[in-house]
Amino acid sequence: MNLHLTPPGGLARIRRLSGDPSIRERLAELGLTPGQVVRLLRRAPLGDPIEVLVRGYRLAVRREEAVAVEVESGA
């Protein structure tokens, strides 16, 4: 499952980052790394961007970036 499919309020553990190397690098720099637990807080009205809580701070990521984050639900 990918991060963009996580329901609002849901917890998920990051399994791996996929996609373009520049997107993977940017996500890792923002703290979205394998093993981290994230909570999807909310989506914008049109579904983009997505707000998540990771490492104690709120982060907004675009849908195309959230697709590159593979997660397992129920962390």
PDB file of N, CA and C in Angstrom:
ATOM      1  N   MET A   1       0.848  -1.170   0.000  1.00  0.00           N
ATOM      2  CA  MET A   1       0.000   0.000   0.000  1.00  0.00           C
ATOM      3  C   MET A   1       0.899   1.240   0.000  1.00  0.00           C
ATOM      4  N   ASN A   2       0.392   2.305  -0.571  1.00  0.00           N
ATOM      5  CA  ASN A   2       1.138   3.558  -0.615  1.00  0.00           C
ATOM      6  C   ASN A   2       0.533   4.564   0.350  1.00  0.00           C
ATOM      7  N   LEU A   3       1.336   5.536   0.753  1.00  0.00           N
ATOM      8  CA  LEU A   3       0.920   6.513   1.752  1.00  0.00           C
ATOM      9  C   LEU A   3      -0.357   7.240   1.351  1.00  0.00           C
ATOM     10  N   HIS A   4      -0.539   7.527   0.083  1.00  0.00           N
ATOM     11  CA  HIS A   4      -1.731   8.287  -0.332  1.00  0.00           C
ATOM     12  C   HIS A   4      -3.031   7.513  -0.132  1.00  0.00           C
ATOM     13  N   LEU A   5      -2.950   6.198   0.079  1.00  0.00           N
ATOM     14  CA  LEU A   5      -4.139   5.375   0.303  1.00  0.00           C
ATOM     15  C   LEU A   5      -4.474   5.206   1.783  1.00  0.00           C
ATOM     16  N   THR A   6      -3.620   5.677   2.664  1.00  0.00           N
ATOM     17  CA  THR A   6      -3.863   5.586   4.093  1.00  0.00           C
ATOM     18  C   THR A   6      -5.056   6.467   4.457  1.00  0.00           C
ATOM     19  N   PRO A   7      -5.994   5.975   5.271  1.00  0.00           N
ATOM     20  CA  PRO A   7      -7.149   6.805   5.634  1.00  0.00           C
ATOM     21  C   PRO A   7      -6.752   7.918   6.603  1.00  0.00           C
ATOM     22  N   PRO A   8      -7.448   9.034   6.596  1.00  0.00           N
ATOM     23  CA  PRO A   8      -7.153  10.116   7.537  1.00  0.00           C
ATOM     24  C   PRO A   8      -7.214   9.604   8.981  1.00  0.00           C
ATOM     25  N   GLY A   9      -6.215   9.956   9.766  1.00  0.00           N
ATOM     26  CA  GLY A   9      -6.111   9.491  11.142  1.00  0.00           C
ATOM     27  C   GLY A   9      -5.394   8.168  11.278  1.00  0.00           C
ATOM     28  N   GLY A  10      -5.146   7.508  10.152  1.00  0.00           N
ATOM     29  CA  GLY A  10      -4.519   6.195  10.170  1.00  0.00           C
ATOM     30  C   GLY A  10      -3.012   6.256  10.384  1.00  0.00           C
ATOM     31  N   LEU A  11      -2.505   5.220  11.061  1.00  0.00           N
ATOM     32  CA  LEU A  11      -1.066   5.080  11.270  1.00  0.00           C
ATOM     33  C   LEU A  11      -0.508   4.093  10.263  1.00  0.00           C
ATOM     34  N   ALA A  12       0.717   4.327   9.846  1.00  0.00           N
ATOM     35  CA  ALA A  12       1.390   3.414   8.918  1.00  0.00           C
ATOM     36  C   ALA A  12       2.892   3.491   9.165  1.00  0.00           C
ATOM     37  N   ARG A  13       3.568   2.377   8.910  1.00  0.00           N
ATOM     38  CA  ARG A  13       5.027   2.327   9.012  1.00  0.00           C
ATOM     39  C   ARG A  13       5.600   2.306   7.594  1.00  0.00           C
ATOM     40  N   ILE A  14       6.585   3.136   7.355  1.00  0.00           N
ATOM     41  CA  ILE A  14       7.195   3.226   6.026  1.00  0.00           C
ATOM     42  C   ILE A  14       8.025   1.974   5.763  1.00  0.00           C
ATOM     43  N   ARG A  15       7.755   1.298   4.643  1.00  0.00           N
ATOM     44  CA  ARG A  15       8.518   0.116   4.247  1.00  0.00           C
ATOM     45  C   ARG A  15       9.691   0.500   3.361  1.00  0.00           C
ATOM     46  N   ARG A  16       9.406   1.307   2.327  1.00  0.00           N
ATOM     47  CA  ARG A  16      10.471   1.735   1.420  1.00  0.00           C
ATOM     48  C   ARG A  16      10.002   2.906   0.586  1.00  0.00           C
ATOM     49  N   LEU A  17      10.971   3.579  -0.007  1.00  0.00           N
ATOM     50  CA  LEU A  17      10.695   4.678  -0.919  1.00  0.00           C
ATOM     51  C   LEU A  17      10.970   4.188  -2.331  1.00  0.00           C
ATOM     52  N   SER A  18      10.088   4.509  -3.251  1.00  0.00           N
ATOM     53  CA  SER A  18      10.267   4.069  -4.636  1.00  0.00           C
ATOM     54  C   SER A  18      10.163   5.270  -5.557  1.00  0.00           C
ATOM     55  N   GLY A  19      10.297   5.009  -6.839  1.00  0.00           N
ATOM     56  CA  GLY A  19      10.148   6.086  -7.811  1.00  0.00           C
ATOM     57  C   GLY A  19      11.465   6.743  -8.183  1.00  0.00           C
ATOM     58  N   ASP A  20      11.349   7.939  -8.680  1.00  0.00           N
ATOM     59  CA  ASP A  20      12.481   8.720  -9.159  1.00  0.00           C
ATOM     60  C   ASP A  20      13.485   8.983  -8.025  1.00  0.00           C
ATOM     61  N   PRO A  21      14.793   8.841  -8.302  1.00  0.00           N
ATOM     62  CA  PRO A  21      15.802   9.069  -7.254  1.00  0.00           C
ATOM     63  C   PRO A  21      15.733  10.453  -6.615  1.00  0.00           C
ATOM     64  N   SER A  22      15.389  11.476  -7.372  1.00  0.00           N
ATOM     65  CA  SER A  22      15.311  12.819  -6.784  1.00  0.00           C
ATOM     66  C   SER A  22      14.152  12.917  -5.789  1.00  0.00           C
ATOM     67  N   ILE A  23      13.041  12.248  -6.077  1.00  0.00           N
ATOM     68  CA  ILE A  23      11.909  12.243  -5.146  1.00  0.00           C
ATOM     69  C   ILE A  23      12.269  11.446  -3.894  1.00  0.00           C
ATOM     70  N   ARG A  24      12.905  10.287  -4.065  1.00  0.00           N
ATOM     71  CA  ARG A  24      13.326   9.482  -2.907  1.00  0.00           C
ATOM     72  C   ARG A  24      14.256  10.269  -1.996  1.00  0.00           C
ATOM     73  N   GLU A  25      15.201  10.978  -2.590  1.00  0.00           N
ATOM     74  CA  GLU A  25      16.162  11.757  -1.810  1.00  0.00           C
ATOM     75  C   GLU A  25      15.463  12.882  -1.046  1.00  0.00           C
ATOM     76  N   ARG A  26      14.560  13.579  -1.706  1.00  0.00           N
ATOM     77  CA  ARG A  26      13.831  14.672  -1.058  1.00  0.00           C
ATOM     78  C   ARG A  26      13.013  14.153   0.114  1.00  0.00           C
ATOM     79  N   LEU A  27      12.302  13.040  -0.069  1.00  0.00           N
ATOM     80  CA  LEU A  27      11.490  12.476   1.001  1.00  0.00           C
ATOM     81  C   LEU A  27      12.353  12.050   2.183  1.00  0.00           C
ATOM     82  N   ALA A  28      13.497  11.449   1.901  1.00  0.00           N
ATOM     83  CA  ALA A  28      14.404  11.032   2.976  1.00  0.00           C
ATOM     84  C   ALA A  28      14.919  12.249   3.741  1.00  0.00           C
ATOM     85  N   GLU A  29      15.225  13.323   3.041  1.00  0.00           N
ATOM     86  CA  GLU A  29      15.694  14.544   3.701  1.00  0.00           C
ATOM     87  C   GLU A  29      14.617  15.145   4.597  1.00  0.00           C
ATOM     88  N   LEU A  30      13.353  14.933   4.250  1.00  0.00           N
ATOM     89  CA  LEU A  30      12.244  15.447   5.048  1.00  0.00           C
ATOM     90  C   LEU A  30      11.917  14.547   6.245  1.00  0.00           C
ATOM     91  N   GLY A  31      12.578  13.397   6.342  1.00  0.00           N
ATOM     92  CA  GLY A  31      12.363  12.509   7.478  1.00  0.00           C
ATOM     93  C   GLY A  31      11.519  11.293   7.189  1.00  0.00           C
ATOM     94  N   LEU A  32      11.066  11.139   5.960  1.00  0.00           N
ATOM     95  CA  LEU A  32      10.281   9.967   5.589  1.00  0.00           C
ATOM     96  C   LEU A  32      11.244   8.846   5.189  1.00  0.00           C
ATOM     97  N   THR A  33      11.667   8.081   6.165  1.00  0.00           N
ATOM     98  CA  THR A  33      12.639   7.018   5.940  1.00  0.00           C
ATOM     99  C   THR A  33      12.046   5.682   6.379  1.00  0.00           C
ATOM    100  N   PRO A  34      12.521   4.580   5.814  1.00  0.00           N
ATOM    101  CA  PRO A  34      12.008   3.261   6.207  1.00  0.00           C
ATOM    102  C   PRO A  34      12.083   3.048   7.713  1.00  0.00           C
ATOM    103  N   GLY A  35      10.991   2.490   8.249  1.00  0.00           N
ATOM    104  CA  GLY A  35      10.905   2.213   9.669  1.00  0.00           C
ATOM    105  C   GLY A  35      10.165   3.278  10.462  1.00  0.00           C
ATOM    106  N   GLN A  36      10.041   4.478   9.921  1.00  0.00           N
ATOM    107  CA  GLN A  36       9.350   5.566  10.620  1.00  0.00           C
ATOM    108  C   GLN A  36       7.836   5.344  10.576  1.00  0.00           C
ATOM    109  N   VAL A  37       7.175   5.708  11.662  1.00  0.00           N
ATOM    110  CA  VAL A  37       5.717   5.641  11.727  1.00  0.00           C
ATOM    111  C   VAL A  37       5.169   7.013  11.366  1.00  0.00           C
ATOM    112  N   VAL A  38       4.176   7.031  10.489  1.00  0.00           N
ATOM    113  CA  VAL A  38       3.537   8.282  10.076  1.00  0.00           C
ATOM    114  C   VAL A  38       2.035   8.188  10.326  1.00  0.00           C
ATOM    115  N   ARG A  39       1.435   9.329  10.592  1.00  0.00           N
ATOM    116  CA  ARG A  39      -0.025   9.415  10.726  1.00  0.00           C
ATOM    117  C   ARG A  39      -0.515  10.380   9.660  1.00  0.00           C
ATOM    118  N   LEU A  40      -1.456   9.925   8.868  1.00  0.00           N
ATOM    119  CA  LEU A  40      -2.041  10.814   7.871  1.00  0.00           C
ATOM    120  C   LEU A  40      -3.059  11.690   8.589  1.00  0.00           C
ATOM    121  N   LEU A  41      -2.816  12.983   8.634  1.00  0.00           N
ATOM    122  CA  LEU A  41      -3.680  13.899   9.360  1.00  0.00           C
ATOM    123  C   LEU A  41      -4.882  14.333   8.531  1.00  0.00           C
ATOM    124  N   ARG A  42      -4.633  14.772   7.301  1.00  0.00           N
ATOM    125  CA  ARG A  42      -5.739  15.214   6.449  1.00  0.00           C
ATOM    126  C   ARG A  42      -5.267  15.399   5.021  1.00  0.00           C
ATOM    127  N   ARG A  43      -6.275  15.492   4.161  1.00  0.00           N
ATOM    128  CA  ARG A  43      -6.036  15.755   2.744  1.00  0.00           C
ATOM    129  C   ARG A  43      -6.668  17.096   2.393  1.00  0.00           C
ATOM    130  N   ALA A  44      -6.087  17.779   1.441  1.00  0.00           N
ATOM    131  CA  ALA A  44      -6.706  19.000   0.918  1.00  0.00           C
ATOM    132  C   ALA A  44      -8.004  18.608   0.209  1.00  0.00           C
ATOM    133  N   PRO A  45      -8.920  19.537   0.017  1.00  0.00           N
ATOM    134  CA  PRO A  45     -10.209  19.216  -0.597  1.00  0.00           C
ATOM    135  C   PRO A  45     -10.117  18.453  -1.922  1.00  0.00           C
ATOM    136  N   LEU A  46      -9.142  18.751  -2.732  1.00  0.00           N
ATOM    137  CA  LEU A  46      -9.007  18.037  -4.006  1.00  0.00           C
ATOM    138  C   LEU A  46      -8.013  16.874  -3.915  1.00  0.00           C
ATOM    139  N   GLY A  47      -7.573  16.538  -2.692  1.00  0.00           N
ATOM    140  CA  GLY A  47      -6.695  15.380  -2.495  1.00  0.00           C
ATOM    141  C   GLY A  47      -5.212  15.682  -2.593  1.00  0.00           C
ATOM    142  N   ASP A  48      -4.851  16.916  -2.800  1.00  0.00           N
ATOM    143  CA  ASP A  48      -3.437  17.255  -2.953  1.00  0.00           C
ATOM    144  C   ASP A  48      -3.207  18.649  -2.392  1.00  0.00           C
ATOM    145  N   PRO A  49      -2.350  18.860  -1.429  1.00  0.00           N
ATOM    146  CA  PRO A  49      -1.403  17.936  -0.811  1.00  0.00           C
ATOM    147  C   PRO A  49      -2.030  17.128   0.335  1.00  0.00           C
ATOM    148  N   ILE A  50      -1.196  16.283   0.912  1.00  0.00           N
ATOM    149  CA  ILE A  50      -1.561  15.430   2.031  1.00  0.00           C
ATOM    150  C   ILE A  50      -0.714  15.870   3.223  1.00  0.00           C
ATOM    151  N   GLU A  51      -1.353  16.020   4.383  1.00  0.00           N
ATOM    152  CA  GLU A  51      -0.609  16.412   5.587  1.00  0.00           C
ATOM    153  C   GLU A  51      -0.390  15.180   6.454  1.00  0.00           C
ATOM    154  N   VAL A  52       0.876  14.944   6.834  1.00  0.00           N
ATOM    155  CA  VAL A  52       1.223  13.799   7.676  1.00  0.00           C
ATOM    156  C   VAL A  52       1.992  14.278   8.900  1.00  0.00           C
ATOM    157  N   LEU A  53       1.962  13.465   9.942  1.00  0.00           N
ATOM    158  CA  LEU A  53       2.746  13.704  11.147  1.00  0.00           C
ATOM    159  C   LEU A  53       3.854  12.661  11.155  1.00  0.00           C
ATOM    160  N   VAL A  54       5.101  13.119  11.149  1.00  0.00           N
ATOM    161  CA  VAL A  54       6.254  12.223  11.148  1.00  0.00           C
ATOM    162  C   VAL A  54       7.341  12.845  12.022  1.00  0.00           C
ATOM    163  N   ARG A  55       7.939  12.031  12.855  1.00  0.00           N
ATOM    164  CA  ARG A  55       9.017  12.493  13.746  1.00  0.00           C
ATOM    165  C   ARG A  55       8.615  13.706  14.574  1.00  0.00           C
ATOM    166  N   GLY A  56       7.335  13.812  14.919  1.00  0.00           N
ATOM    167  CA  GLY A  56       6.866  14.887  15.781  1.00  0.00           C
ATOM    168  C   GLY A  56       6.542  16.203  15.090  1.00  0.00           C
ATOM    169  N   TYR A  57       6.601  16.241  13.773  1.00  0.00           N
ATOM    170  CA  TYR A  57       6.234  17.485  13.085  1.00  0.00           C
ATOM    171  C   TYR A  57       5.299  17.207  11.923  1.00  0.00           C
ATOM    172  N   ARG A  58       4.569  18.233  11.544  1.00  0.00           N
ATOM    173  CA  ARG A  58       3.614  18.126  10.439  1.00  0.00           C
ATOM    174  C   ARG A  58       4.319  18.425   9.126  1.00  0.00           C
ATOM    175  N   LEU A  59       3.984  17.651   8.139  1.00  0.00           N
ATOM    176  CA  LEU A  59       4.624  17.773   6.838  1.00  0.00           C
ATOM    177  C   LEU A  59       3.563  17.637   5.753  1.00  0.00           C
ATOM    178  N   ALA A  60       3.583  18.525   4.781  1.00  0.00           N
ATOM    179  CA  ALA A  60       2.674  18.434   3.646  1.00  0.00           C
ATOM    180  C   ALA A  60       3.457  17.895   2.455  1.00  0.00           C
ATOM    181  N   VAL A  61       2.943  16.831   1.851  1.00  0.00           N
ATOM    182  CA  VAL A  61       3.588  16.252   0.672  1.00  0.00           C
ATOM    183  C   VAL A  61       2.575  16.192  -0.465  1.00  0.00           C
ATOM    184  N   ARG A  62       3.080  16.341  -1.659  1.00  0.00           N
ATOM    185  CA  ARG A  62       2.216  16.238  -2.832  1.00  0.00           C
ATOM    186  C   ARG A  62       1.806  14.791  -3.035  1.00  0.00           C
ATOM    187  N   ARG A  63       0.696  14.611  -3.703  1.00  0.00           N
ATOM    188  CA  ARG A  63       0.183  13.261  -3.944  1.00  0.00           C
ATOM    189  C   ARG A  63       1.204  12.416  -4.704  1.00  0.00           C
ATOM    190  N   GLU A  64       1.884  12.999  -5.693  1.00  0.00           N
ATOM    191  CA  GLU A  64       2.869  12.246  -6.475  1.00  0.00           C
ATOM    192  C   GLU A  64       4.034  11.765  -5.600  1.00  0.00           C
ATOM    193  N   GLU A  65       4.344  12.521  -4.551  1.00  0.00           N
ATOM    194  CA  GLU A  65       5.390  12.090  -3.619  1.00  0.00           C
ATOM    195  C   GLU A  65       4.859  11.004  -2.686  1.00  0.00           C
ATOM    196  N   ALA A  66       3.607  11.144  -2.241  1.00  0.00           N
ATOM    197  CA  ALA A  66       3.008  10.151  -1.353  1.00  0.00           C
ATOM    198  C   ALA A  66       2.876   8.792  -2.036  1.00  0.00           C
ATOM    199  N   VAL A  67       2.696   8.783  -3.343  1.00  0.00           N
ATOM    200  CA  VAL A  67       2.622   7.531  -4.095  1.00  0.00           C
ATOM    201  C   VAL A  67       3.952   6.772  -4.018  1.00  0.00           C
ATOM    202  N   ALA A  68       5.053   7.502  -3.883  1.00  0.00           N
ATOM    203  CA  ALA A  68       6.374   6.888  -3.837  1.00  0.00           C
ATOM    204  C   ALA A  68       6.728   6.303  -2.468  1.00  0.00           C
ATOM    205  N   VAL A  69       5.868   6.510  -1.460  1.00  0.00           N
ATOM    206  CA  VAL A  69       6.125   6.015  -0.112  1.00  0.00           C
ATOM    207  C   VAL A  69       5.297   4.756   0.120  1.00  0.00           C
ATOM    208  N   GLU A  70       5.961   3.610   0.140  1.00  0.00           N
ATOM    209  CA  GLU A  70       5.275   2.345   0.408  1.00  0.00           C
ATOM    210  C   GLU A  70       5.205   2.121   1.909  1.00  0.00           C
ATOM    211  N   VAL A  71       3.993   1.828   2.403  1.00  0.00           N
ATOM    212  CA  VAL A  71       3.782   1.682   3.833  1.00  0.00           C
ATOM    213  C   VAL A  71       3.049   0.379   4.140  1.00  0.00           C
ATOM    214  N   GLU A  72       3.135  -0.021   5.409  1.00  0.00           N
ATOM    215  CA  GLU A  72       2.289  -1.101   5.903  1.00  0.00           C
ATOM    216  C   GLU A  72       1.369  -0.476   6.942  1.00  0.00           C
ATOM    217  N   SER A  73       0.100  -0.751   6.844  1.00  0.00           N
ATOM    218  CA  SER A  73      -0.857  -0.089   7.728  1.00  0.00           C
ATOM    219  C   SER A  73      -0.855  -0.697   9.119  1.00  0.00           C
ATOM    220  N   GLY A  74      -1.429   0.045  10.049  1.00  0.00           N
ATOM    221  CA  GLY A  74      -1.582  -0.440  11.417  1.00  0.00           C
ATOM    222  C   GLY A  74      -0.289  -0.510  12.199  1.00  0.00           C
ATOM    223  N   ALA A  75       0.588   0.477  12.030  1.00  0.00           N
ATOM    224  CA  ALA A  75       1.862   0.487  12.737  1.00  0.00           C
ATOM    225  C   ALA A  75       1.595   0.578  14.176  1.00  0.00           C
TER     226      ALA A  75
END
